[in-house]
Amino acid sequence: MSNPKAAPISAKEFVSAYVQTHEADGTVEDLAEALNRNVDQVRAKRNSVSAQMKQRGVKLPSLKRMARNGGGGAAYDEAAEMLTAYLGTDTE
């Protein structure tokens, strides 16, 4: 998914891929895939480019949020069951 020795991404290349991803209603994960980088690298580049764009009076549009892993509510249900088993009773 990512290439640790890849050449730096230019601002122009990043913004071009960012706009295409935004138009496709994509996530930062989609952008990372398009740029052959990992999500953390893309987030760092987005922060850098965003700051530079802000200085120029332009704002990057928000990408669609990535789906959360773990099923959301189901993970909290399991965690509550673990605590109940540990504590022996409900803790309300």
Protein backbone atom coordinates (compact mmCIF):
# COMPACT_ATOMS: atom_id res chain seq x y z
CA MET A 1 0.00 0.00 0.00
CA SER A 2 2.78 2.45 0.70
CA ASN A 3 6.31 2.83 -0.51
CA PRO A 4 8.64 3.96 2.31
CA LYS A 5 11.34 5.11 -0.17
CA ALA A 6 8.96 6.90 -2.53
CA ALA A 7 9.81 10.35 -3.83
CA PRO A 8 8.13 13.28 -2.06
CA ILE A 9 4.70 14.25 -3.34
CA SER A 10 4.52 17.74 -4.81
CA ALA A 11 1.76 20.06 -3.64
CA LYS A 12 0.36 20.11 -7.19
CA GLU A 13 0.28 16.28 -7.38
CA PHE A 14 -1.29 16.05 -3.92
CA VAL A 15 -3.99 18.63 -4.61
CA SER A 16 -4.81 17.01 -7.95
CA ALA A 17 -5.31 13.60 -6.29
CA TYR A 18 -7.15 15.26 -3.39
CA VAL A 19 -9.63 16.98 -5.73
CA GLN A 20 -10.25 13.74 -7.66
CA THR A 21 -10.81 11.88 -4.38
CA HIS A 22 -13.18 14.57 -3.11
CA GLU A 23 -15.15 14.55 -6.37
CA ALA A 24 -15.52 10.76 -6.04
CA ASP A 25 -16.78 11.18 -2.44
CA GLY A 26 -13.68 9.33 -1.25
CA THR A 27 -11.93 9.03 2.09
CA VAL A 28 -8.38 9.74 3.18
CA GLU A 29 -7.83 5.99 2.79
CA ASP A 30 -8.84 6.29 -0.89
CA LEU A 31 -6.46 9.22 -1.29
CA ALA A 32 -3.63 7.23 0.30
CA GLU A 33 -4.27 4.40 -2.14
CA ALA A 34 -4.28 6.80 -5.09
CA LEU A 35 -0.94 8.25 -3.97
CA ASN A 36 0.57 4.87 -3.02
CA ARG A 37 1.17 6.05 0.55
CA ASN A 38 -0.12 5.05 3.97
CA VAL A 39 -2.90 6.98 5.67
CA ASP A 40 -0.57 8.59 8.22
CA GLN A 41 1.69 9.94 5.46
CA VAL A 42 -1.30 11.36 3.60
CA ARG A 43 -2.72 12.96 6.74
CA ALA A 44 0.64 14.63 7.42
CA LYS A 45 0.83 15.91 3.84
CA ARG A 46 -2.79 17.13 4.02
CA ASN A 47 -1.96 19.09 7.18
CA SER A 48 1.07 20.65 5.51
CA VAL A 49 -0.75 21.51 2.28
CA SER A 50 -3.80 22.73 4.20
CA ALA A 51 -1.65 25.17 6.19
CA GLN A 52 -0.03 26.49 3.00
CA MET A 53 -3.41 26.85 1.28
CA LYS A 54 -4.82 28.67 4.32
CA GLN A 55 -1.99 31.22 4.03
CA ARG A 56 -3.15 31.76 0.44
CA GLY A 57 -6.80 32.17 1.44
CA VAL A 58 -7.90 28.75 0.12
CA LYS A 59 -9.33 25.87 2.13
CA LEU A 60 -9.15 22.16 1.23
CA PRO A 61 -12.64 20.62 1.21
CA SER A 62 -13.25 17.84 3.72
CA LEU A 63 -13.07 14.27 2.54
CA LYS A 64 -15.64 11.70 3.56
CA ARG A 65 -14.87 10.16 6.94
CA MET A 66 -13.45 6.65 7.02
CA ALA A 67 -15.66 3.95 8.49
CA ARG A 68 -14.70 3.03 12.02
CA ASN A 69 -13.33 -0.45 12.60
CA GLY A 70 -14.83 -2.70 15.23
CA GLY A 71 -18.52 -2.23 14.51
CA GLY A 72 -19.03 0.86 16.64
CA GLY A 73 -21.72 -0.04 19.16
CA ALA A 74 -20.83 -3.74 19.19
CA ALA A 75 -17.33 -2.96 20.44
CA TYR A 76 -18.77 -0.89 23.30
CA ASP A 77 -21.22 -3.68 24.12
CA GLU A 78 -18.34 -6.15 24.39
CA ALA A 79 -16.34 -3.72 26.54
CA ALA A 80 -19.34 -3.24 28.86
CA GLU A 81 -19.69 -7.01 29.19
CA MET A 82 -16.01 -7.29 30.08
CA LEU A 83 -16.35 -4.65 32.81
CA THR A 84 -19.53 -6.22 34.15
CA ALA A 85 -17.82 -9.60 34.36
CA TYR A 86 -14.81 -8.03 36.07
CA LEU A 87 -16.81 -5.93 38.54
CA GLY A 88 -19.52 -8.52 39.10
CA THR A 89 -22.44 -6.09 38.71
CA ASP A 90 -23.70 -3.24 36.60
CA THR A 91 -21.92 -0.02 37.57
CA GLU A 92 -24.72 2.51 36.95
